[in-house]
């Protein structure tokens, strides 16, 4: 699967300066901030601690970021960028049925070592409970995801409320699979297969109903 989402997704708060003599880049600081969030919480993201983890000086941090708030905005932008790239990855599949299967399989196909999807998702949503600014971003991202999923079912021949309901089911299952790493590979594949079959039966029933109404 050749997609930019399989590489480190990063959108810096401002234009990244190139590394000079091994100087850390924006993405390195964002990586460290995300890792800290996964260990504790967003409140645990402190410049001094990050500099210690990276064996760097605070001057390296301020070379790239105005302050801690700018770093946290870059972390949030990275999470949003992941959704944009995953949407692009889904849209690259023209066949709607295969696109649906790809949606359900995304948690299996995107290596967790490259994107800390489940834990990162949980950390962002925990942060949103305490920040109105983050809640707005989460709502925007959720809307983008849902719109993308709805298009799949519209392309499969469902319309209106039905497409929305099925899209939400597919998105909910995919979201659960992001964080269900304790399940075995076989268990996850069974969930994917059963969900795909159920959704396609619902699509077929919708298509049959529409054909009967037209007749």
N, C-alpha and C. Protein backbone atom coordinates (compact mmCIF):
# COMPACT_ATOMS: atom_id res chain seq x y z
N UNK A 1 0.85 -1.18 0.00
CA UNK A 1 0.00 0.00 0.00
C UNK A 1 0.89 1.23 0.00
N UNK A 2 0.93 1.97 -1.08
CA UNK A 2 1.83 3.10 -1.23
C UNK A 2 1.07 4.38 -0.99
N UNK A 3 1.22 4.93 0.19
CA UNK A 3 0.49 6.14 0.55
C UNK A 3 1.33 6.98 1.46
N UNK A 4 1.18 8.32 1.40
CA UNK A 4 1.94 9.17 2.31
C UNK A 4 1.59 8.92 3.76
N UNK A 5 0.42 8.33 4.04
CA UNK A 5 0.04 8.08 5.42
C UNK A 5 0.91 7.00 6.05
N UNK A 6 1.59 6.21 5.24
CA UNK A 6 2.50 5.20 5.76
C UNK A 6 3.83 5.79 6.17
N UNK A 7 4.02 7.08 5.83
CA UNK A 7 5.19 7.79 6.33
C UNK A 7 4.76 8.65 7.51
N UNK A 8 5.69 9.21 8.20
CA UNK A 8 5.36 10.01 9.38
C UNK A 8 4.54 11.22 8.95
N UNK A 9 3.33 11.36 9.50
CA UNK A 9 2.45 12.47 9.15
C UNK A 9 2.76 13.64 10.06
N UNK A 10 3.13 14.77 9.46
CA UNK A 10 3.46 15.92 10.28
C UNK A 10 3.14 17.20 9.55
N UNK A 11 2.47 18.12 10.23
CA UNK A 11 2.23 19.45 9.72
C UNK A 11 2.75 20.44 10.76
N UNK A 12 3.93 21.00 10.56
CA UNK A 12 4.50 21.89 11.58
C UNK A 12 3.68 23.15 11.76
N UNK A 13 3.84 23.76 12.92
CA UNK A 13 3.12 24.99 13.21
C UNK A 13 3.58 26.12 12.30
N UNK A 14 4.84 26.08 11.87
CA UNK A 14 5.32 27.02 10.87
C UNK A 14 6.36 26.28 10.05
N UNK A 15 6.83 26.91 8.99
CA UNK A 15 7.73 26.22 8.06
C UNK A 15 8.93 25.65 8.80
N UNK A 16 9.21 24.38 8.54
CA UNK A 16 10.31 23.69 9.21
C UNK A 16 11.64 24.13 8.63
N UNK A 17 12.60 24.42 9.51
CA UNK A 17 13.95 24.74 9.07
C UNK A 17 14.74 23.45 8.90
N UNK A 18 15.64 23.38 7.93
CA UNK A 18 16.40 22.14 7.73
C UNK A 18 17.34 21.89 8.89
N UNK A 19 17.66 20.60 9.10
CA UNK A 19 18.63 20.25 10.14
C UNK A 19 20.01 20.74 9.75
N UNK A 20 20.70 21.29 10.72
CA UNK A 20 22.07 21.76 10.51
C UNK A 20 22.94 21.07 11.55
N UNK A 21 23.95 20.33 11.10
CA UNK A 21 24.85 19.62 12.02
C UNK A 21 24.06 18.76 13.00
N UNK A 22 23.08 18.02 12.48
CA UNK A 22 22.32 17.12 13.33
C UNK A 22 21.25 17.77 14.17
N UNK A 23 20.99 19.08 13.94
CA UNK A 23 19.96 19.76 14.73
C UNK A 23 18.61 19.08 14.53
N UNK A 24 17.86 18.99 15.62
CA UNK A 24 16.54 18.37 15.56
C UNK A 24 15.60 19.21 14.70
N UNK A 25 14.66 18.51 14.04
CA UNK A 25 13.67 19.18 13.23
C UNK A 25 12.33 19.25 13.94
N UNK A 26 11.37 19.94 13.32
CA UNK A 26 10.03 20.08 13.88
C UNK A 26 9.42 18.72 14.19
N UNK A 27 9.53 17.79 13.24
CA UNK A 27 8.91 16.48 13.42
C UNK A 27 9.46 15.74 14.63
N UNK A 28 10.75 15.94 14.94
CA UNK A 28 11.34 15.28 16.10
C UNK A 28 10.69 15.75 17.40
N UNK A 29 10.44 17.04 17.48
CA UNK A 29 9.79 17.59 18.68
C UNK A 29 8.33 17.14 18.75
N UNK A 30 7.66 17.09 17.61
CA UNK A 30 6.27 16.62 17.61
C UNK A 30 6.23 15.15 18.01
N UNK A 31 7.15 14.36 17.47
CA UNK A 31 7.25 12.94 17.87
C UNK A 31 7.37 12.81 19.38
N UNK A 32 8.26 13.60 19.96
CA UNK A 32 8.50 13.53 21.40
C UNK A 32 7.26 13.95 22.18
N UNK A 33 6.57 14.97 21.69
CA UNK A 33 5.36 15.42 22.37
C UNK A 33 4.26 14.36 22.31
N UNK A 34 4.11 13.73 21.15
CA UNK A 34 3.11 12.66 21.02
C UNK A 34 3.46 11.51 21.96
N UNK A 35 4.72 11.12 21.99
CA UNK A 35 5.14 10.02 22.87
C UNK A 35 4.85 10.35 24.32
N UNK A 36 5.05 11.60 24.70
CA UNK A 36 4.77 12.03 26.07
C UNK A 36 3.27 11.97 26.35
N UNK A 37 2.46 12.40 25.39
CA UNK A 37 1.01 12.32 25.55
C UNK A 37 0.56 10.88 25.74
N UNK A 38 1.17 9.96 25.01
CA UNK A 38 0.78 8.56 25.10
C UNK A 38 1.18 7.96 26.44
N UNK A 39 2.27 8.47 27.01
CA UNK A 39 2.72 7.97 28.32
C UNK A 39 1.87 8.52 29.45
N UNK A 40 1.45 9.79 29.31
CA UNK A 40 0.74 10.42 30.42
C UNK A 40 -0.50 11.16 29.91
N UNK A 41 -0.33 12.43 29.55
CA UNK A 41 -1.44 13.24 29.05
C UNK A 41 -0.85 14.49 28.43
N UNK A 42 -1.71 15.32 27.86
CA UNK A 42 -1.21 16.55 27.25
C UNK A 42 -0.60 17.47 28.32
N UNK A 43 -1.11 17.39 29.55
CA UNK A 43 -0.54 18.21 30.62
C UNK A 43 0.91 17.82 30.92
N UNK A 44 1.28 16.59 30.59
CA UNK A 44 2.64 16.14 30.83
C UNK A 44 3.64 16.60 29.79
N UNK A 45 3.17 17.24 28.73
CA UNK A 45 4.07 17.71 27.67
C UNK A 45 4.72 19.02 28.14
N UNK A 46 5.97 18.94 28.54
CA UNK A 46 6.72 20.08 29.04
C UNK A 46 8.02 20.21 28.26
N UNK A 47 8.40 21.45 27.96
CA UNK A 47 9.58 21.69 27.12
C UNK A 47 10.83 21.11 27.77
N UNK A 48 10.99 21.31 29.05
CA UNK A 48 12.20 20.81 29.73
C UNK A 48 12.31 19.30 29.62
N UNK A 49 11.18 18.61 29.85
CA UNK A 49 11.19 17.15 29.80
C UNK A 49 11.45 16.65 28.38
N UNK A 50 10.86 17.32 27.40
CA UNK A 50 11.08 16.91 26.01
C UNK A 50 12.54 17.10 25.62
N UNK A 51 13.11 18.23 26.03
CA UNK A 51 14.53 18.47 25.73
C UNK A 51 15.41 17.40 26.36
N UNK A 52 15.06 17.00 27.59
CA UNK A 52 15.83 15.93 28.25
C UNK A 52 15.69 14.62 27.48
N UNK A 53 14.45 14.29 27.07
CA UNK A 53 14.24 13.04 26.33
C UNK A 53 15.02 13.04 25.02
N UNK A 54 15.09 14.20 24.38
CA UNK A 54 15.75 14.29 23.07
C UNK A 54 17.24 14.60 23.20
N UNK A 55 17.71 14.79 24.45
CA UNK A 55 19.12 15.17 24.69
C UNK A 55 19.45 16.43 23.90
N UNK A 56 18.55 17.39 24.01
CA UNK A 56 18.69 18.64 23.27
C UNK A 56 18.56 19.82 24.24
N UNK A 57 18.84 21.00 23.72
CA UNK A 57 18.69 22.20 24.52
C UNK A 57 17.33 22.84 24.24
N UNK A 58 16.89 23.69 25.16
CA UNK A 58 15.65 24.42 24.92
C UNK A 58 15.80 25.35 23.72
N UNK A 59 17.03 25.76 23.44
CA UNK A 59 17.25 26.60 22.27
C UNK A 59 16.84 25.91 20.99
N UNK A 60 17.07 24.58 20.92
CA UNK A 60 16.63 23.82 19.75
C UNK A 60 15.12 23.88 19.61
N UNK A 61 14.42 23.78 20.74
CA UNK A 61 12.96 23.88 20.70
C UNK A 61 12.52 25.23 20.16
N UNK A 62 13.08 26.30 20.71
CA UNK A 62 12.64 27.64 20.32
C UNK A 62 13.11 28.03 18.92
N UNK A 63 14.00 27.25 18.35
CA UNK A 63 14.38 27.46 16.95
C UNK A 63 13.18 27.17 16.04
N UNK A 64 12.33 26.24 16.48
CA UNK A 64 11.20 25.80 15.65
C UNK A 64 9.83 26.28 16.13
N UNK A 65 9.70 26.49 17.43
CA UNK A 65 8.39 26.81 17.99
C UNK A 65 8.47 28.08 18.84
N UNK A 66 7.41 28.87 18.74
CA UNK A 66 7.37 30.09 19.54
C UNK A 66 7.23 29.76 21.02
N UNK A 67 6.39 28.76 21.32
CA UNK A 67 6.14 28.40 22.71
C UNK A 67 5.51 27.02 22.76
N UNK A 68 5.15 26.56 23.94
CA UNK A 68 4.55 25.25 24.12
C UNK A 68 3.22 25.14 23.37
N UNK A 69 2.44 26.23 23.37
CA UNK A 69 1.15 26.20 22.68
C UNK A 69 1.32 25.93 21.20
N UNK A 70 2.38 26.46 20.60
CA UNK A 70 2.64 26.22 19.17
C UNK A 70 2.97 24.75 18.92
N UNK A 71 3.71 24.15 19.84
CA UNK A 71 4.01 22.72 19.72
C UNK A 71 2.73 21.90 19.80
N UNK A 72 1.86 22.22 20.75
CA UNK A 72 0.62 21.46 20.89
C UNK A 72 -0.27 21.63 19.67
N UNK A 73 -0.25 22.81 19.06
CA UNK A 73 -1.02 22.99 17.81
C UNK A 73 -0.46 22.09 16.71
N UNK A 74 0.87 21.93 16.68
CA UNK A 74 1.48 21.06 15.68
C UNK A 74 1.09 19.60 15.92
N UNK A 75 1.00 19.19 17.18
CA UNK A 75 0.54 17.84 17.50
C UNK A 75 -0.87 17.64 17.00
N UNK A 76 -1.73 18.61 17.24
CA UNK A 76 -3.12 18.52 16.80
C UNK A 76 -3.21 18.50 15.28
N UNK A 77 -2.38 19.30 14.64
CA UNK A 77 -2.35 19.31 13.17
C UNK A 77 -1.89 17.98 12.61
N UNK A 78 -0.95 17.33 13.29
CA UNK A 78 -0.50 16.02 12.82
C UNK A 78 -1.66 15.03 12.85
N UNK A 79 -2.42 15.02 13.94
CA UNK A 79 -3.57 14.11 14.06
C UNK A 79 -4.58 14.39 12.95
N UNK A 80 -4.85 15.65 12.70
CA UNK A 80 -5.80 15.99 11.64
C UNK A 80 -5.25 15.57 10.27
N UNK A 81 -3.95 15.75 10.07
CA UNK A 81 -3.34 15.38 8.79
C UNK A 81 -3.45 13.88 8.53
N UNK A 82 -3.38 13.08 9.59
CA UNK A 82 -3.54 11.64 9.43
C UNK A 82 -4.90 11.33 8.82
N UNK A 83 -5.95 11.99 9.31
CA UNK A 83 -7.29 11.76 8.76
C UNK A 83 -7.36 12.17 7.30
N UNK A 84 -6.77 13.31 6.95
CA UNK A 84 -6.79 13.76 5.55
C UNK A 84 -6.10 12.75 4.64
N UNK A 85 -4.97 12.22 5.10
CA UNK A 85 -4.23 11.27 4.27
C UNK A 85 -4.94 9.93 4.18
N UNK A 86 -5.59 9.51 5.27
CA UNK A 86 -6.37 8.27 5.22
C UNK A 86 -7.56 8.44 4.27
N UNK A 87 -8.19 9.60 4.29
CA UNK A 87 -9.29 9.85 3.34
C UNK A 87 -8.80 9.78 1.90
N UNK A 88 -7.63 10.36 1.65
CA UNK A 88 -7.05 10.29 0.30
C UNK A 88 -6.76 8.85 -0.09
N UNK A 89 -6.28 8.08 0.87
CA UNK A 89 -5.99 6.68 0.60
C UNK A 89 -7.26 5.92 0.22
N UNK A 90 -8.34 6.16 0.96
CA UNK A 90 -9.61 5.52 0.62
C UNK A 90 -10.10 5.97 -0.75
N UNK A 91 -10.01 7.26 -1.02
CA UNK A 91 -10.52 7.80 -2.28
C UNK A 91 -9.73 7.31 -3.49
N UNK A 92 -8.51 6.82 -3.25
CA UNK A 92 -7.71 6.33 -4.37
C UNK A 92 -8.26 5.02 -4.92
N UNK A 93 -9.14 4.37 -4.17
CA UNK A 93 -9.80 3.14 -4.62
C UNK A 93 -11.12 3.53 -5.28
N UNK A 94 -11.24 3.33 -6.58
CA UNK A 94 -12.41 3.79 -7.31
C UNK A 94 -13.63 2.91 -7.08
N UNK A 95 -13.43 1.62 -6.90
CA UNK A 95 -14.54 0.70 -6.69
C UNK A 95 -15.07 0.85 -5.26
N UNK A 96 -16.36 1.19 -5.13
CA UNK A 96 -16.92 1.50 -3.81
C UNK A 96 -16.91 0.30 -2.88
N UNK A 97 -17.15 -0.89 -3.39
CA UNK A 97 -17.15 -2.08 -2.54
C UNK A 97 -15.76 -2.34 -1.98
N UNK A 98 -14.75 -2.19 -2.83
CA UNK A 98 -13.37 -2.37 -2.36
C UNK A 98 -12.97 -1.24 -1.41
N UNK A 99 -13.53 -0.05 -1.64
CA UNK A 99 -13.25 1.08 -0.74
C UNK A 99 -13.80 0.80 0.66
N UNK A 100 -14.98 0.21 0.73
CA UNK A 100 -15.55 -0.14 2.03
C UNK A 100 -14.68 -1.17 2.74
N UNK A 101 -14.24 -2.18 2.03
CA UNK A 101 -13.38 -3.18 2.64
C UNK A 101 -12.07 -2.56 3.09
N UNK A 102 -11.54 -1.64 2.29
CA UNK A 102 -10.29 -0.97 2.68
C UNK A 102 -10.50 -0.15 3.95
N UNK A 103 -11.65 0.52 4.08
CA UNK A 103 -11.95 1.27 5.30
C UNK A 103 -11.88 0.36 6.52
N UNK A 104 -12.53 -0.78 6.43
CA UNK A 104 -12.54 -1.71 7.56
C UNK A 104 -11.16 -2.29 7.84
N UNK A 105 -10.35 -2.39 6.80
CA UNK A 105 -9.03 -2.99 6.96
C UNK A 105 -7.94 -1.98 7.29
N UNK A 106 -8.25 -0.69 7.28
CA UNK A 106 -7.21 0.30 7.53
C UNK A 106 -6.43 0.05 8.82
N UNK A 107 -7.11 -0.30 9.92
CA UNK A 107 -6.34 -0.55 11.15
C UNK A 107 -5.36 -1.72 11.01
N UNK A 108 -5.62 -2.63 10.09
CA UNK A 108 -4.70 -3.75 9.86
C UNK A 108 -3.59 -3.38 8.89
N UNK A 109 -3.91 -2.52 7.93
CA UNK A 109 -2.97 -2.25 6.84
C UNK A 109 -1.99 -1.12 7.14
N UNK A 110 -2.35 -0.22 8.07
CA UNK A 110 -1.44 0.86 8.42
C UNK A 110 -0.61 0.42 9.62
N UNK A 111 0.69 0.27 9.46
CA UNK A 111 1.52 -0.27 10.54
C UNK A 111 1.46 0.59 11.79
N UNK A 112 1.13 0.01 12.94
CA UNK A 112 1.03 0.79 14.17
C UNK A 112 2.34 1.42 14.59
N UNK A 113 3.47 0.86 14.16
CA UNK A 113 4.76 1.45 14.52
C UNK A 113 4.97 2.80 13.84
N UNK A 114 4.26 3.04 12.73
CA UNK A 114 4.45 4.28 12.00
C UNK A 114 3.42 5.34 12.38
N UNK A 115 2.24 4.93 12.78
CA UNK A 115 1.22 5.86 13.25
C UNK A 115 0.61 5.28 14.51
N UNK A 116 0.77 5.94 15.66
CA UNK A 116 0.21 5.41 16.91
C UNK A 116 -1.28 5.69 16.98
N UNK A 117 -2.02 5.04 16.06
CA UNK A 117 -3.41 5.45 15.83
C UNK A 117 -4.31 5.32 17.04
N UNK A 118 -4.47 4.14 17.60
CA UNK A 118 -5.43 3.96 18.67
C UNK A 118 -5.13 4.82 19.89
N UNK A 119 -3.90 4.75 20.40
CA UNK A 119 -3.53 5.52 21.58
C UNK A 119 -3.53 7.02 21.29
N UNK A 120 -3.08 7.40 20.12
CA UNK A 120 -3.05 8.81 19.72
C UNK A 120 -4.48 9.35 19.67
N UNK A 121 -5.38 8.58 19.07
CA UNK A 121 -6.79 8.96 18.99
C UNK A 121 -7.37 9.16 20.40
N UNK A 122 -7.10 8.23 21.28
CA UNK A 122 -7.61 8.33 22.65
C UNK A 122 -7.05 9.56 23.35
N UNK A 123 -5.76 9.82 23.19
CA UNK A 123 -5.12 10.97 23.84
C UNK A 123 -5.73 12.28 23.35
N UNK A 124 -5.96 12.37 22.04
CA UNK A 124 -6.55 13.60 21.49
C UNK A 124 -7.95 13.81 22.04
N UNK A 125 -8.74 12.75 22.09
CA UNK A 125 -10.12 12.90 22.56
C UNK A 125 -10.18 13.18 24.06
N UNK A 126 -9.26 12.65 24.81
CA UNK A 126 -9.17 13.01 26.23
C UNK A 126 -8.82 14.49 26.39
N UNK A 127 -7.92 14.96 25.56
CA UNK A 127 -7.53 16.37 25.56
C UNK A 127 -8.74 17.25 25.21
N UNK A 128 -9.55 16.82 24.26
CA UNK A 128 -10.71 17.60 23.82
C UNK A 128 -11.72 17.80 24.94
N UNK A 129 -11.77 16.90 25.89
CA UNK A 129 -12.70 17.07 27.01
C UNK A 129 -12.36 18.29 27.85
N UNK A 130 -11.10 18.75 27.77
CA UNK A 130 -10.64 19.85 28.60
C UNK A 130 -10.32 21.11 27.80
N UNK A 131 -10.52 21.05 26.48
CA UNK A 131 -10.15 22.20 25.65
C UNK A 131 -11.21 22.44 24.58
N UNK A 132 -11.81 23.63 24.59
CA UNK A 132 -12.81 23.98 23.59
C UNK A 132 -12.18 24.05 22.19
N UNK A 133 -10.94 24.53 22.12
CA UNK A 133 -10.26 24.62 20.83
C UNK A 133 -10.06 23.23 20.21
N UNK A 134 -9.65 22.28 21.03
CA UNK A 134 -9.43 20.92 20.54
C UNK A 134 -10.75 20.27 20.17
N UNK A 135 -11.80 20.54 20.92
CA UNK A 135 -13.12 19.98 20.59
C UNK A 135 -13.56 20.42 19.21
N UNK A 136 -13.29 21.66 18.84
CA UNK A 136 -13.66 22.14 17.51
C UNK A 136 -12.91 21.36 16.43
N UNK A 137 -11.64 21.10 16.65
CA UNK A 137 -10.85 20.34 15.67
C UNK A 137 -11.38 18.91 15.58
N UNK A 138 -11.68 18.30 16.72
CA UNK A 138 -12.19 16.93 16.72
C UNK A 138 -13.51 16.86 15.96
N UNK A 139 -14.39 17.84 16.19
CA UNK A 139 -15.66 17.86 15.46
C UNK A 139 -15.44 17.98 13.96
N UNK A 140 -14.48 18.83 13.56
CA UNK A 140 -14.19 18.99 12.13
C UNK A 140 -13.65 17.70 11.53
N UNK A 141 -12.75 17.05 12.26
CA UNK A 141 -12.17 15.80 11.77
C UNK A 141 -13.23 14.71 11.68
N UNK A 142 -14.08 14.62 12.70
CA UNK A 142 -15.15 13.62 12.68
C UNK A 142 -16.09 13.86 11.49
N UNK A 143 -16.35 15.12 11.20
CA UNK A 143 -17.22 15.44 10.07
C UNK A 143 -16.57 15.03 8.75
N UNK A 144 -15.27 15.29 8.61
CA UNK A 144 -14.56 14.89 7.39
C UNK A 144 -14.57 13.38 7.22
N UNK A 145 -14.34 12.66 8.31
CA UNK A 145 -14.36 11.20 8.24
C UNK A 145 -15.74 10.70 7.83
N UNK A 146 -16.76 11.24 8.49
CA UNK A 146 -18.12 10.78 8.21
C UNK A 146 -18.53 11.08 6.77
N UNK A 147 -18.19 12.26 6.29
CA UNK A 147 -18.51 12.60 4.89
C UNK A 147 -17.85 11.63 3.93
N UNK A 148 -16.60 11.28 4.22
CA UNK A 148 -15.89 10.32 3.37
C UNK A 148 -16.57 8.97 3.39
N UNK A 149 -16.99 8.51 4.56
CA UNK A 149 -17.64 7.21 4.68
C UNK A 149 -19.01 7.20 4.02
N UNK A 150 -19.73 8.32 4.15
CA UNK A 150 -21.05 8.42 3.51
C UNK A 150 -20.92 8.28 2.00
N UNK A 151 -19.88 8.89 1.43
CA UNK A 151 -19.69 8.81 -0.03
C UNK A 151 -19.55 7.37 -0.49
N UNK A 152 -18.94 6.54 0.33
CA UNK A 152 -18.79 5.12 -0.04
C UNK A 152 -20.17 4.50 -0.26
N UNK A 153 -21.07 4.73 0.68
CA UNK A 153 -22.39 4.10 0.59
C UNK A 153 -23.27 4.77 -0.46
N UNK A 154 -23.07 6.04 -0.69
CA UNK A 154 -23.77 6.69 -1.79
C UNK A 154 -23.34 6.08 -3.12
N UNK A 155 -22.04 5.83 -3.25
CA UNK A 155 -21.53 5.21 -4.48
C UNK A 155 -22.00 3.76 -4.62
N UNK A 156 -22.36 3.14 -3.49
CA UNK A 156 -22.90 1.78 -3.53
C UNK A 156 -24.40 1.77 -3.82
N UNK A 157 -25.00 2.95 -3.91
CA UNK A 157 -26.42 3.03 -4.28
C UNK A 157 -27.36 3.37 -3.15
N UNK A 158 -26.82 3.68 -1.96
CA UNK A 158 -27.68 4.09 -0.85
C UNK A 158 -27.79 5.61 -0.83
N UNK A 159 -28.88 6.07 -0.30
CA UNK A 159 -29.06 7.52 -0.27
C UNK A 159 -29.49 8.02 1.08
N UNK A 160 -29.32 9.32 1.28
CA UNK A 160 -29.86 10.00 2.43
C UNK A 160 -29.51 9.39 3.77
N UNK A 161 -30.55 9.20 4.60
CA UNK A 161 -30.38 8.73 5.96
C UNK A 161 -29.76 7.34 6.01
N UNK A 162 -30.11 6.48 5.05
CA UNK A 162 -29.58 5.11 5.05
C UNK A 162 -28.08 5.12 4.86
N UNK A 163 -27.58 5.91 3.94
CA UNK A 163 -26.14 6.00 3.71
C UNK A 163 -25.43 6.51 4.96
N UNK A 164 -26.05 7.47 5.66
CA UNK A 164 -25.45 8.02 6.86
C UNK A 164 -25.37 6.97 7.97
N UNK A 165 -26.46 6.21 8.17
CA UNK A 165 -26.48 5.20 9.22
C UNK A 165 -25.43 4.12 8.96
N UNK A 166 -25.38 3.63 7.72
CA UNK A 166 -24.40 2.58 7.40
C UNK A 166 -22.97 3.11 7.51
N UNK A 167 -22.78 4.37 7.12
CA UNK A 167 -21.45 4.97 7.23
C UNK A 167 -21.03 5.04 8.69
N UNK A 168 -21.96 5.36 9.56
CA UNK A 168 -21.62 5.46 10.98
C UNK A 168 -21.30 4.08 11.57
N UNK A 169 -22.00 3.05 11.11
CA UNK A 169 -21.69 1.70 11.57
C UNK A 169 -20.27 1.31 11.13
N UNK A 170 -19.97 1.55 9.86
CA UNK A 170 -18.64 1.21 9.34
C UNK A 170 -17.56 1.98 10.07
N UNK A 171 -17.80 3.28 10.29
CA UNK A 171 -16.81 4.09 10.99
C UNK A 171 -16.62 3.66 12.43
N UNK A 172 -17.72 3.26 13.08
CA UNK A 172 -17.62 2.83 14.47
C UNK A 172 -16.81 1.54 14.59
N UNK A 173 -17.03 0.61 13.67
CA UNK A 173 -16.28 -0.65 13.70
C UNK A 173 -14.80 -0.40 13.41
N UNK A 174 -14.53 0.42 12.40
CA UNK A 174 -13.13 0.73 12.09
C UNK A 174 -12.46 1.42 13.28
N UNK A 175 -13.19 2.33 13.92
CA UNK A 175 -12.64 3.02 15.08
C UNK A 175 -12.35 2.06 16.22
N UNK A 176 -13.22 1.09 16.43
CA UNK A 176 -12.99 0.09 17.47
C UNK A 176 -11.77 -0.77 17.14
N UNK A 177 -11.60 -1.07 15.88
CA UNK A 177 -10.45 -1.88 15.48
C UNK A 177 -9.14 -1.13 15.68
N UNK A 178 -9.18 0.22 15.61
CA UNK A 178 -7.96 0.98 15.86
C UNK A 178 -7.41 0.68 17.24
N UNK A 179 -8.32 0.49 18.21
CA UNK A 179 -7.88 0.36 19.59
C UNK A 179 -7.98 -1.07 20.13
N UNK A 180 -8.37 -2.01 19.29
CA UNK A 180 -8.58 -3.39 19.75
C UNK A 180 -7.36 -4.26 19.55
N UNK A 181 -6.18 -3.73 19.80
CA UNK A 181 -4.96 -4.50 19.60
C UNK A 181 -4.89 -5.76 20.46
N UNK A 182 -5.53 -5.79 21.66
CA UNK A 182 -5.48 -7.04 22.42
C UNK A 182 -6.19 -8.20 21.72
N UNK A 183 -7.09 -7.89 20.77
CA UNK A 183 -7.71 -8.97 20.00
C UNK A 183 -6.65 -9.62 19.14
N UNK A 184 -6.80 -10.89 18.91
CA UNK A 184 -5.87 -11.59 18.02
C UNK A 184 -6.14 -11.17 16.57
N UNK A 185 -5.16 -11.44 15.71
CA UNK A 185 -5.33 -11.11 14.29
C UNK A 185 -6.54 -11.84 13.71
N UNK A 186 -6.73 -13.08 14.12
CA UNK A 186 -7.87 -13.85 13.63
C UNK A 186 -9.20 -13.26 14.08
N UNK A 187 -9.25 -12.78 15.32
CA UNK A 187 -10.48 -12.16 15.83
C UNK A 187 -10.78 -10.87 15.09
N UNK A 188 -9.75 -10.07 14.86
CA UNK A 188 -9.96 -8.82 14.13
C UNK A 188 -10.44 -9.09 12.71
N UNK A 189 -9.84 -10.09 12.05
CA UNK A 189 -10.25 -10.43 10.69
C UNK A 189 -11.70 -10.92 10.67
N UNK A 190 -12.10 -11.65 11.68
CA UNK A 190 -13.49 -12.13 11.74
C UNK A 190 -14.45 -10.95 11.86
N UNK A 191 -14.10 -9.97 12.69
CA UNK A 191 -14.94 -8.78 12.81
C UNK A 191 -15.03 -8.05 11.47
N UNK A 192 -13.91 -7.92 10.78
CA UNK A 192 -13.89 -7.25 9.48
C UNK A 192 -14.79 -7.99 8.49
N UNK A 193 -14.64 -9.31 8.41
CA UNK A 193 -15.42 -10.10 7.45
C UNK A 193 -16.90 -10.03 7.74
N UNK A 194 -17.28 -10.19 9.02
CA UNK A 194 -18.69 -10.19 9.38
C UNK A 194 -19.31 -8.81 9.17
N UNK A 195 -18.57 -7.76 9.50
CA UNK A 195 -19.10 -6.40 9.31
C UNK A 195 -19.27 -6.09 7.83
N UNK A 196 -18.28 -6.45 7.03
CA UNK A 196 -18.38 -6.21 5.59
C UNK A 196 -19.58 -6.94 5.00
N UNK A 197 -19.77 -8.22 5.38
CA UNK A 197 -20.89 -9.00 4.86
C UNK A 197 -22.22 -8.38 5.29
N UNK A 198 -22.33 -7.96 6.54
CA UNK A 198 -23.55 -7.36 7.04
C UNK A 198 -23.88 -6.07 6.31
N UNK A 199 -22.86 -5.23 6.11
CA UNK A 199 -23.08 -3.96 5.42
C UNK A 199 -23.47 -4.17 3.96
N UNK A 200 -22.85 -5.14 3.32
CA UNK A 200 -23.19 -5.39 1.92
C UNK A 200 -24.61 -5.97 1.80
N UNK A 201 -25.05 -6.75 2.79
CA UNK A 201 -26.44 -7.22 2.79
C UNK A 201 -27.40 -6.04 2.93
N UNK A 202 -27.04 -5.10 3.78
CA UNK A 202 -27.87 -3.90 3.95
C UNK A 202 -27.92 -3.08 2.67
N UNK A 203 -26.78 -2.98 1.99
CA UNK A 203 -26.75 -2.27 0.71
C UNK A 203 -27.63 -2.97 -0.32
N UNK A 204 -27.52 -4.30 -0.38
CA UNK A 204 -28.34 -5.06 -1.34
C UNK A 204 -29.83 -4.88 -1.06
N UNK A 205 -30.19 -4.88 0.22
CA UNK A 205 -31.60 -4.69 0.58
C UNK A 205 -32.07 -3.29 0.18
N UNK A 206 -31.22 -2.32 0.35
CA UNK A 206 -31.56 -0.95 -0.04
C UNK A 206 -31.73 -0.84 -1.56
N UNK A 207 -30.82 -1.49 -2.28
CA UNK A 207 -30.92 -1.48 -3.74
C UNK A 207 -32.19 -2.17 -4.21
N UNK A 208 -32.54 -3.31 -3.57
CA UNK A 208 -33.76 -4.02 -3.94
C UNK A 208 -34.99 -3.21 -3.64
N UNK A 209 -34.96 -2.51 -2.50
CA UNK A 209 -36.09 -1.66 -2.16
C UNK A 209 -36.27 -0.52 -3.14
N UNK A 210 -35.15 0.05 -3.56
CA UNK A 210 -35.22 1.16 -4.51
C UNK A 210 -35.73 0.68 -5.86
N UNK A 211 -35.28 -0.53 -6.26
CA UNK A 211 -35.72 -1.09 -7.54
C UNK A 211 -37.23 -1.38 -7.49
N UNK A 212 -37.73 -1.89 -6.36
CA UNK A 212 -39.15 -2.18 -6.22
C UNK A 212 -39.96 -0.92 -6.27
N UNK A 213 -39.48 0.16 -5.64
CA UNK A 213 -40.19 1.42 -5.64
C UNK A 213 -40.25 2.01 -7.04
N UNK A 214 -39.17 1.85 -7.79
CA UNK A 214 -39.14 2.36 -9.16
C UNK A 214 -40.10 1.60 -10.04
N UNK A 215 -40.26 0.29 -9.73
CA UNK A 215 -41.15 -0.53 -10.55
C UNK A 215 -42.61 -0.22 -10.28
